Amino acid sequence: MYYQQGVFNCDYFILDLLKTQILKLNQAVISGMVTVYTVVCF
């Protein structure tokens, strides 16, 4: 019981970490695209 709970918590933590990393990556990609768009259009 405790083991399953521990594994679940670990998995949840890793998933949470991945989600934040993906969000950061998306922000970087979006800001990069905005920069390129700004350079190309202006």
Protein backbone atom coordinates (compact mmCIF):
# COMPACT_ATOMS: atom_id res chain seq x y z
CA MET A 1 0.00 0.00 0.00
CA TYR A 2 2.69 2.47 1.03
CA TYR A 3 4.88 1.35 -1.85
CA GLN A 4 2.15 2.00 -4.42
CA GLN A 5 1.43 5.39 -2.88
CA GLY A 6 5.13 6.27 -3.00
CA VAL A 7 5.44 5.24 -6.64
CA PHE A 8 2.32 7.21 -7.49
CA ASN A 9 3.71 10.32 -5.79
CA CYS A 10 7.01 9.90 -7.62
CA ASP A 11 5.27 9.51 -11.00
CA TYR A 12 3.07 12.51 -10.27
CA PHE A 13 6.11 14.60 -9.33
CA ILE A 14 7.94 13.63 -12.53
CA LEU A 15 4.85 14.40 -14.64
CA ASP A 16 4.52 17.76 -12.91
CA LEU A 17 8.18 18.49 -13.61
CA LEU A 18 7.72 17.53 -17.27
CA LYS A 19 4.70 19.78 -17.58
CA THR A 20 6.62 22.78 -16.23
CA GLN A 21 9.55 22.01 -18.53
CA ILE A 22 7.22 21.79 -21.54
CA LEU A 23 5.60 25.08 -20.56
CA LYS A 24 9.03 26.73 -20.33
CA LEU A 25 9.97 25.25 -23.70
CA ASN A 26 6.74 26.52 -25.25
CA GLN A 27 7.38 29.99 -23.83
CA ALA A 28 10.88 29.98 -25.29
CA VAL A 29 9.61 28.81 -28.68
CA ILE A 30 6.82 31.39 -28.69
CA SER A 31 9.16 34.24 -27.72
CA GLY A 32 11.61 33.09 -30.39
CA MET A 33 8.88 33.05 -33.02
CA VAL A 34 7.71 36.50 -31.92
CA THR A 35 11.29 37.76 -32.25
CA VAL A 36 11.63 36.30 -35.75
CA TYR A 37 8.21 37.67 -36.72
CA THR A 38 9.17 41.13 -35.44
CA VAL A 39 12.49 41.08 -37.32
CA VAL A 40 10.88 39.90 -40.56
CA CYS A 41 7.94 42.32 -40.43
CA PHE A 42 9.81 45.38 -39.14
